[in-house]
Amino acid sequence: MKVYFSLYAFLFLSCYSLPQPDWVNNHIVDAEYWYGYGIVNKEYVGNVREEARSRAIEEIATQISIDISSNFQTTRG
């Protein structure tokens, strides 16, 4: 009986996954700061912290844009 209960509990808990946090889908918009989120799977082989940081920087880079306009005026003197 204990074996069946343990097997049932293992199967039930292994199929359970937590929902994504709210901040993953709803990005913060702020006029003074840029926010970037770097998400890396746990199975990633390598430096997880550096990869997440790199992805966060890439996301911030996609938020940056520049509008350049110019006006020239010729004067004869």
PDB file of N, CA and C in Angstrom:
ATOM      1  N   MET A   1       0.813  -1.188   0.000  1.00  0.00           N
ATOM      2  CA  MET A   1       0.000   0.000   0.000  1.00  0.00           C
ATOM      3  C   MET A   1       0.864   1.262   0.000  1.00  0.00           C
ATOM      4  N   LYS A   2       1.948   1.252   0.794  1.00  0.00           N
ATOM      5  CA  LYS A   2       2.834   2.406   0.844  1.00  0.00           C
ATOM      6  C   LYS A   2       3.507   2.633  -0.506  1.00  0.00           C
ATOM      7  N   VAL A   3       3.796   1.536  -1.197  1.00  0.00           N
ATOM      8  CA  VAL A   3       4.449   1.652  -2.501  1.00  0.00           C
ATOM      9  C   VAL A   3       3.517   2.332  -3.497  1.00  0.00           C
ATOM     10  N   TYR A   4       2.253   1.960  -3.497  1.00  0.00           N
ATOM     11  CA  TYR A   4       1.290   2.573  -4.420  1.00  0.00           C
ATOM     12  C   TYR A   4       1.092   4.056  -4.096  1.00  0.00           C
ATOM     13  N   PHE A   5       1.007   4.372  -2.811  1.00  0.00           N
ATOM     14  CA  PHE A   5       0.845   5.763  -2.422  1.00  0.00           C
ATOM     15  C   PHE A   5       2.064   6.588  -2.837  1.00  0.00           C
ATOM     16  N   SER A   6       3.249   6.044  -2.621  1.00  0.00           N
ATOM     17  CA  SER A   6       4.478   6.744  -3.001  1.00  0.00           C
ATOM     18  C   SER A   6       4.551   6.936  -4.513  1.00  0.00           C
ATOM     19  N   LEU A   7       4.178   5.917  -5.262  1.00  0.00           N
ATOM     20  CA  LEU A   7       4.189   6.010  -6.726  1.00  0.00           C
ATOM     21  C   LEU A   7       3.175   7.042  -7.204  1.00  0.00           C
ATOM     22  N   TYR A   8       1.982   7.021  -6.609  1.00  0.00           N
ATOM     23  CA  TYR A   8       0.945   7.983  -6.972  1.00  0.00           C
ATOM     24  C   TYR A   8       1.405   9.412  -6.646  1.00  0.00           C
ATOM     25  N   ALA A   9       1.980   9.595  -5.461  1.00  0.00           N
ATOM     26  CA  ALA A   9       2.452  10.925  -5.057  1.00  0.00           C
ATOM     27  C   ALA A   9       3.561  11.396  -5.989  1.00  0.00           C
ATOM     28  N   PHE A  10       4.472  10.509  -6.365  1.00  0.00           N
ATOM     29  CA  PHE A  10       5.560  10.867  -7.268  1.00  0.00           C
ATOM     30  C   PHE A  10       5.018  11.292  -8.633  1.00  0.00           C
ATOM     31  N   LEU A  11       4.088  10.521  -9.182  1.00  0.00           N
ATOM     32  CA  LEU A  11       3.516  10.860 -10.488  1.00  0.00           C
ATOM     33  C   LEU A  11       2.745  12.176 -10.436  1.00  0.00           C
ATOM     34  N   PHE A  12       1.999  12.372  -9.381  1.00  0.00           N
ATOM     35  CA  PHE A  12       1.217  13.605  -9.235  1.00  0.00           C
ATOM     36  C   PHE A  12       2.134  14.821  -9.130  1.00  0.00           C
ATOM     37  N   LEU A  13       3.158  14.735  -8.315  1.00  0.00           N
ATOM     38  CA  LEU A  13       4.052  15.877  -8.105  1.00  0.00           C
ATOM     39  C   LEU A  13       4.971  16.124  -9.300  1.00  0.00           C
ATOM     40  N   SER A  14       5.322  15.084 -10.040  1.00  0.00           N
ATOM     41  CA  SER A  14       6.207  15.271 -11.186  1.00  0.00           C
ATOM     42  C   SER A  14       5.486  15.951 -12.347  1.00  0.00           C
ATOM     43  N   CYS A  15       4.177  15.850 -12.411  1.00  0.00           N
ATOM     44  CA  CYS A  15       3.411  16.497 -13.476  1.00  0.00           C
ATOM     45  C   CYS A  15       3.029  17.932 -13.122  1.00  0.00           C
ATOM     46  N   TYR A  16       3.213  18.314 -11.887  1.00  0.00           N
ATOM     47  CA  TYR A  16       2.826  19.647 -11.439  1.00  0.00           C
ATOM     48  C   TYR A  16       3.895  20.656 -11.842  1.00  0.00           C
ATOM     49  N   SER A  17       3.478  21.771 -12.386  1.00  0.00           N
ATOM     50  CA  SER A  17       4.423  22.838 -12.698  1.00  0.00           C
ATOM     51  C   SER A  17       3.836  24.160 -12.229  1.00  0.00           C
ATOM     52  N   LEU A  18       4.702  25.036 -11.789  1.00  0.00           N
ATOM     53  CA  LEU A  18       4.262  26.335 -11.302  1.00  0.00           C
ATOM     54  C   LEU A  18       3.940  27.250 -12.480  1.00  0.00           C
ATOM     55  N   PRO A  19       2.937  28.097 -12.337  1.00  0.00           N
ATOM     56  CA  PRO A  19       2.657  29.061 -13.408  1.00  0.00           C
ATOM     57  C   PRO A  19       3.761  30.105 -13.467  1.00  0.00           C
ATOM     58  N   GLN A  20       3.913  30.723 -14.646  1.00  0.00           N
ATOM     59  CA  GLN A  20       4.925  31.765 -14.786  1.00  0.00           C
ATOM     60  C   GLN A  20       4.559  32.954 -13.915  1.00  0.00           C
ATOM     61  N   PRO A  21       5.563  33.588 -13.339  1.00  0.00           N
ATOM     62  CA  PRO A  21       5.283  34.792 -12.552  1.00  0.00           C
ATOM     63  C   PRO A  21       4.692  35.894 -13.425  1.00  0.00           C
ATOM     64  N   ASP A  22       3.974  36.797 -12.813  1.00  0.00           N
ATOM     65  CA  ASP A  22       3.310  37.880 -13.527  1.00  0.00           C
ATOM     66  C   ASP A  22       4.300  38.778 -14.257  1.00  0.00           C
ATOM     67  N   TRP A  23       5.507  38.979 -13.681  1.00  0.00           N
ATOM     68  CA  TRP A  23       6.474  39.886 -14.290  1.00  0.00           C
ATOM     69  C   TRP A  23       7.048  39.342 -15.594  1.00  0.00           C
ATOM     70  N   VAL A  24       6.899  38.063 -15.852  1.00  0.00           N
ATOM     71  CA  VAL A  24       7.409  37.503 -17.111  1.00  0.00           C
ATOM     72  C   VAL A  24       6.569  37.990 -18.293  1.00  0.00           C
ATOM     73  N   ASN A  25       5.267  38.042 -18.104  1.00  0.00           N
ATOM     74  CA  ASN A  25       4.379  38.434 -19.195  1.00  0.00           C
ATOM     75  C   ASN A  25       4.052  39.928 -19.204  1.00  0.00           C
ATOM     76  N   ASN A  26       4.087  40.568 -18.069  1.00  0.00           N
ATOM     77  CA  ASN A  26       3.755  41.990 -17.966  1.00  0.00           C
ATOM     78  C   ASN A  26       5.014  42.774 -17.620  1.00  0.00           C
ATOM     79  N   HIS A  27       5.686  43.253 -18.640  1.00  0.00           N
ATOM     80  CA  HIS A  27       6.935  43.974 -18.433  1.00  0.00           C
ATOM     81  C   HIS A  27       6.672  45.362 -17.856  1.00  0.00           C
ATOM     82  N   ILE A  28       7.573  45.784 -17.004  1.00  0.00           N
ATOM     83  CA  ILE A  28       7.481  47.101 -16.384  1.00  0.00           C
ATOM     84  C   ILE A  28       7.848  48.156 -17.427  1.00  0.00           C
ATOM     85  N   VAL A  29       7.045  49.206 -17.497  1.00  0.00           N
ATOM     86  CA  VAL A  29       7.327  50.326 -18.384  1.00  0.00           C
ATOM     87  C   VAL A  29       7.605  51.530 -17.506  1.00  0.00           C
ATOM     88  N   ASP A  30       8.779  52.106 -17.672  1.00  0.00           N
ATOM     89  CA  ASP A  30       9.191  53.229 -16.849  1.00  0.00           C
ATOM     90  C   ASP A  30       9.922  54.234 -17.731  1.00  0.00           C
ATOM     91  N   ALA A  31       9.630  55.515 -17.554  1.00  0.00           N
ATOM     92  CA  ALA A  31      10.255  56.552 -18.380  1.00  0.00           C
ATOM     93  C   ALA A  31      11.720  56.771 -18.011  1.00  0.00           C
ATOM     94  N   GLU A  32      12.131  56.401 -16.816  1.00  0.00           N
ATOM     95  CA  GLU A  32      13.491  56.675 -16.359  1.00  0.00           C
ATOM     96  C   GLU A  32      14.433  55.470 -16.416  1.00  0.00           C
ATOM     97  N   TYR A  33      13.896  54.272 -16.514  1.00  0.00           N
ATOM     98  CA  TYR A  33      14.732  53.076 -16.460  1.00  0.00           C
ATOM     99  C   TYR A  33      14.331  52.087 -17.550  1.00  0.00           C
ATOM    100  N   TRP A  34      15.287  51.257 -17.929  1.00  0.00           N
ATOM    101  CA  TRP A  34      15.013  50.125 -18.812  1.00  0.00           C
ATOM    102  C   TRP A  34      15.105  48.864 -17.972  1.00  0.00           C
ATOM    103  N   TYR A  35      14.210  47.941 -18.238  1.00  0.00           N
ATOM    104  CA  TYR A  35      14.213  46.663 -17.548  1.00  0.00           C
ATOM    105  C   TYR A  35      14.375  45.559 -18.575  1.00  0.00           C
ATOM    106  N   GLY A  36      15.210  44.596 -18.260  1.00  0.00           N
ATOM    107  CA  GLY A  36      15.390  43.452 -19.144  1.00  0.00           C
ATOM    108  C   GLY A  36      15.374  42.176 -18.330  1.00  0.00           C
ATOM    109  N   TYR A  37      14.739  41.159 -18.859  1.00  0.00           N
ATOM    110  CA  TYR A  37      14.648  39.875 -18.182  1.00  0.00           C
ATOM    111  C   TYR A  37      15.368  38.823 -19.004  1.00  0.00           C
ATOM    112  N   GLY A  38      16.276  38.131 -18.380  1.00  0.00           N
ATOM    113  CA  GLY A  38      16.989  37.045 -19.044  1.00  0.00           C
ATOM    114  C   GLY A  38      16.559  35.724 -18.449  1.00  0.00           C
ATOM    115  N   ILE A  39      15.919  34.918 -19.235  1.00  0.00           N
ATOM    116  CA  ILE A  39      15.396  33.640 -18.745  1.00  0.00           C
ATOM    117  C   ILE A  39      16.170  32.512 -19.409  1.00  0.00           C
ATOM    118  N   VAL A  40      16.688  31.606 -18.589  1.00  0.00           N
ATOM    119  CA  VAL A  40      17.493  30.483 -19.070  1.00  0.00           C
ATOM    120  C   VAL A  40      16.933  29.204 -18.453  1.00  0.00           C
ATOM    121  N   ASN A  41      16.810  28.159 -19.260  1.00  0.00           N
ATOM    122  CA  ASN A  41      16.357  26.864 -18.748  1.00  0.00           C
ATOM    123  C   ASN A  41      17.380  26.287 -17.778  1.00  0.00           C
ATOM    124  N   LYS A  42      16.907  25.535 -16.826  1.00  0.00           N
ATOM    125  CA  LYS A  42      17.802  24.920 -15.849  1.00  0.00           C
ATOM    126  C   LYS A  42      18.743  23.911 -16.494  1.00  0.00           C
ATOM    127  N   GLU A  43      18.345  23.386 -17.636  1.00  0.00           N
ATOM    128  CA  GLU A  43      19.161  22.380 -18.304  1.00  0.00           C
ATOM    129  C   GLU A  43      20.323  23.008 -19.080  1.00  0.00           C
ATOM    130  N   TYR A  44      20.407  24.326 -19.116  1.00  0.00           N
ATOM    131  CA  TYR A  44      21.452  25.018 -19.873  1.00  0.00           C
ATOM    132  C   TYR A  44      22.820  24.595 -19.366  1.00  0.00           C
ATOM    133  N   VAL A  45      23.692  24.263 -20.294  1.00  0.00           N
ATOM    134  CA  VAL A  45      25.050  23.863 -19.938  1.00  0.00           C
ATOM    135  C   VAL A  45      25.945  25.079 -20.125  1.00  0.00           C
ATOM    136  N   GLY A  46      26.563  25.497 -19.078  1.00  0.00           N
ATOM    137  CA  GLY A  46      27.423  26.678 -19.136  1.00  0.00           C
ATOM    138  C   GLY A  46      27.128  27.583 -17.949  1.00  0.00           C
ATOM    139  N   ASN A  47      27.595  28.809 -18.056  1.00  0.00           N
ATOM    140  CA  ASN A  47      27.406  29.784 -16.993  1.00  0.00           C
ATOM    141  C   ASN A  47      26.001  30.376 -17.105  1.00  0.00           C
ATOM    142  N   VAL A  48      25.093  29.890 -16.279  1.00  0.00           N
ATOM    143  CA  VAL A  48      23.688  30.276 -16.345  1.00  0.00           C
ATOM    144  C   VAL A  48      23.530  31.766 -16.044  1.00  0.00           C
ATOM    145  N   ARG A  49      24.252  32.256 -15.068  1.00  0.00           N
ATOM    146  CA  ARG A  49      24.139  33.663 -14.685  1.00  0.00           C
ATOM    147  C   ARG A  49      24.566  34.575 -15.836  1.00  0.00           C
ATOM    148  N   GLU A  50      25.671  34.272 -16.478  1.00  0.00           N
ATOM    149  CA  GLU A  50      26.144  35.099 -17.593  1.00  0.00           C
ATOM    150  C   GLU A  50      25.178  35.047 -18.777  1.00  0.00           C
ATOM    151  N   GLU A  51      24.631  33.875 -19.054  1.00  0.00           N
ATOM    152  CA  GLU A  51      23.676  33.740 -20.164  1.00  0.00           C
ATOM    153  C   GLU A  51      22.407  34.535 -19.875  1.00  0.00           C
ATOM    154  N   ALA A  52      21.902  34.465 -18.656  1.00  0.00           N
ATOM    155  CA  ALA A  52      20.710  35.232 -18.294  1.00  0.00           C
ATOM    156  C   ALA A  52      20.997  36.727 -18.379  1.00  0.00           C
ATOM    157  N   ARG A  53      22.163  37.145 -17.937  1.00  0.00           N
ATOM    158  CA  ARG A  53      22.554  38.557 -18.018  1.00  0.00           C
ATOM    159  C   ARG A  53      22.645  39.008 -19.465  1.00  0.00           C
ATOM    160  N   SER A  54      23.227  38.181 -20.314  1.00  0.00           N
ATOM    161  CA  SER A  54      23.354  38.507 -21.732  1.00  0.00           C
ATOM    162  C   SER A  54      21.983  38.643 -22.391  1.00  0.00           C
ATOM    163  N   ARG A  55      21.083  37.752 -22.062  1.00  0.00           N
ATOM    164  CA  ARG A  55      19.737  37.825 -22.636  1.00  0.00           C
ATOM    165  C   ARG A  55      18.977  39.053 -22.134  1.00  0.00           C
ATOM    166  N   ALA A  56      19.194  39.423 -20.886  1.00  0.00           N
ATOM    167  CA  ALA A  56      18.553  40.628 -20.346  1.00  0.00           C
ATOM    168  C   ALA A  56      19.074  41.871 -21.066  1.00  0.00           C
ATOM    169  N   ILE A  57      20.368  41.919 -21.314  1.00  0.00           N
ATOM    170  CA  ILE A  57      20.950  43.057 -22.038  1.00  0.00           C
ATOM    171  C   ILE A  57      20.424  43.112 -23.461  1.00  0.00           C
ATOM    172  N   GLU A  58      20.280  41.961 -24.100  1.00  0.00           N
ATOM    173  CA  GLU A  58      19.717  41.928 -25.453  1.00  0.00           C
ATOM    174  C   GLU A  58      18.280  42.462 -25.458  1.00  0.00           C
ATOM    175  N   GLU A  59      17.509  42.119 -24.428  1.00  0.00           N
ATOM    176  CA  GLU A  59      16.140  42.612 -24.360  1.00  0.00           C
ATOM    177  C   GLU A  59      16.113  44.124 -24.162  1.00  0.00           C
ATOM    178  N   ILE A  60      17.019  44.643 -23.342  1.00  0.00           N
ATOM    179  CA  ILE A  60      17.098  46.088 -23.153  1.00  0.00           C
ATOM    180  C   ILE A  60      17.477  46.768 -24.466  1.00  0.00           C
ATOM    181  N   ALA A  61      18.397  46.170 -25.208  1.00  0.00           N
ATOM    182  CA  ALA A  61      18.830  46.748 -26.480  1.00  0.00           C
ATOM    183  C   ALA A  61      17.676  46.856 -27.474  1.00  0.00           C
ATOM    184  N   THR A  62      16.716  45.957 -27.405  1.00  0.00           N
ATOM    185  CA  THR A  62      15.583  46.032 -28.326  1.00  0.00           C
ATOM    186  C   THR A  62      14.652  47.182 -27.978  1.00  0.00           C
ATOM    187  N   GLN A  63      14.742  47.707 -26.763  1.00  0.00           N
ATOM    188  CA  GLN A  63      13.887  48.806 -26.337  1.00  0.00           C
ATOM    189  C   GLN A  63      14.447  50.175 -26.725  1.00  0.00           C
ATOM    190  N   ILE A  64      15.719  50.218 -27.100  1.00  0.00           N
ATOM    191  CA  ILE A  64      16.376  51.489 -27.377  1.00  0.00           C
ATOM    192  C   ILE A  64      16.209  51.833 -28.849  1.00  0.00           C
ATOM    193  N   SER A  65      15.739  53.031 -29.102  1.00  0.00           N
ATOM    194  CA  SER A  65      15.628  53.499 -30.474  1.00  0.00           C
ATOM    195  C   SER A  65      15.998  54.977 -30.505  1.00  0.00           C
ATOM    196  N   ILE A  66      16.426  55.423 -31.658  1.00  0.00           N
ATOM    197  CA  ILE A  66      16.854  56.807 -31.828  1.00  0.00           C
ATOM    198  C   ILE A  66      16.141  57.388 -33.031  1.00  0.00           C
ATOM    199  N   ASP A  67      15.591  58.575 -32.865  1.00  0.00           N
ATOM    200  CA  ASP A  67      15.010  59.320 -33.968  1.00  0.00           C
ATOM    201  C   ASP A  67      15.902  60.528 -34.220  1.00  0.00           C
ATOM    202  N   ILE A  68      16.428  60.613 -35.419  1.00  0.00           N
ATOM    203  CA  ILE A  68      17.304  61.725 -35.778  1.00  0.00           C
ATOM    204  C   ILE A  68      16.638  62.516 -36.890  1.00  0.00           C
ATOM    205  N   SER A  69      16.561  63.791 -36.683  1.00  0.00           N
ATOM    206  CA  SER A  69      16.063  64.662 -37.743  1.00  0.00           C
ATOM    207  C   SER A  69      16.932  65.913 -37.751  1.00  0.00           C
ATOM    208  N   SER A  70      17.009  66.534 -38.889  1.00  0.00           N
ATOM    209  CA  SER A  70      17.821  67.740 -38.987  1.00  0.00           C
ATOM    210  C   SER A  70      17.158  68.729 -39.930  1.00  0.00           C
ATOM    211  N   ASN A  71      17.455  69.959 -39.703  1.00  0.00           N
ATOM    212  CA  ASN A  71      16.973  71.046 -40.552  1.00  0.00           C
ATOM    213  C   ASN A  71      18.178  71.887 -40.959  1.00  0.00           C
ATOM    214  N   PHE A  72      18.287  72.134 -42.233  1.00  0.00           N
ATOM    215  CA  PHE A  72      19.360  72.983 -42.733  1.00  0.00           C
ATOM    216  C   PHE A  72      18.746  74.252 -43.295  1.00  0.00           C
ATOM    217  N   GLN A  73      19.419  75.318 -43.032  1.00  0.00           N
ATOM    218  CA  GLN A  73      18.963  76.584 -43.576  1.00  0.00           C
ATOM    219  C   GLN A  73      20.186  77.283 -44.153  1.00  0.00           C
ATOM    220  N   THR A  74      20.064  77.660 -45.390  1.00  0.00           N
ATOM    221  CA  THR A  74      21.163  78.336 -46.077  1.00  0.00           C
ATOM    222  C   THR A  74      20.915  79.837 -46.030  1.00  0.00           C
ATOM    223  N   THR A  75      21.899  80.552 -45.602  1.00  0.00           N
ATOM    224  CA  THR A  75      21.780  82.011 -45.586  1.00  0.00           C
ATOM    225  C   THR A  75      22.870  82.600 -46.464  1.00  0.00           C
ATOM    226  N   ARG A  76      22.544  83.634 -47.175  1.00  0.00           N
ATOM    227  CA  ARG A  76      23.520  84.304 -48.018  1.00  0.00           C
ATOM    228  C   ARG A  76      23.900  85.612 -47.344  1.00  0.00           C
ATOM    229  N   GLY A  77      25.133  85.809 -47.231  1.00  0.00           N
ATOM    230  CA  GLY A  77      25.535  86.988 -46.503  1.00  0.00           C
ATOM    231  C   GLY A  77      26.422  87.886 -47.179  1.00  0.00           C
TER     232      GLY A  77
END
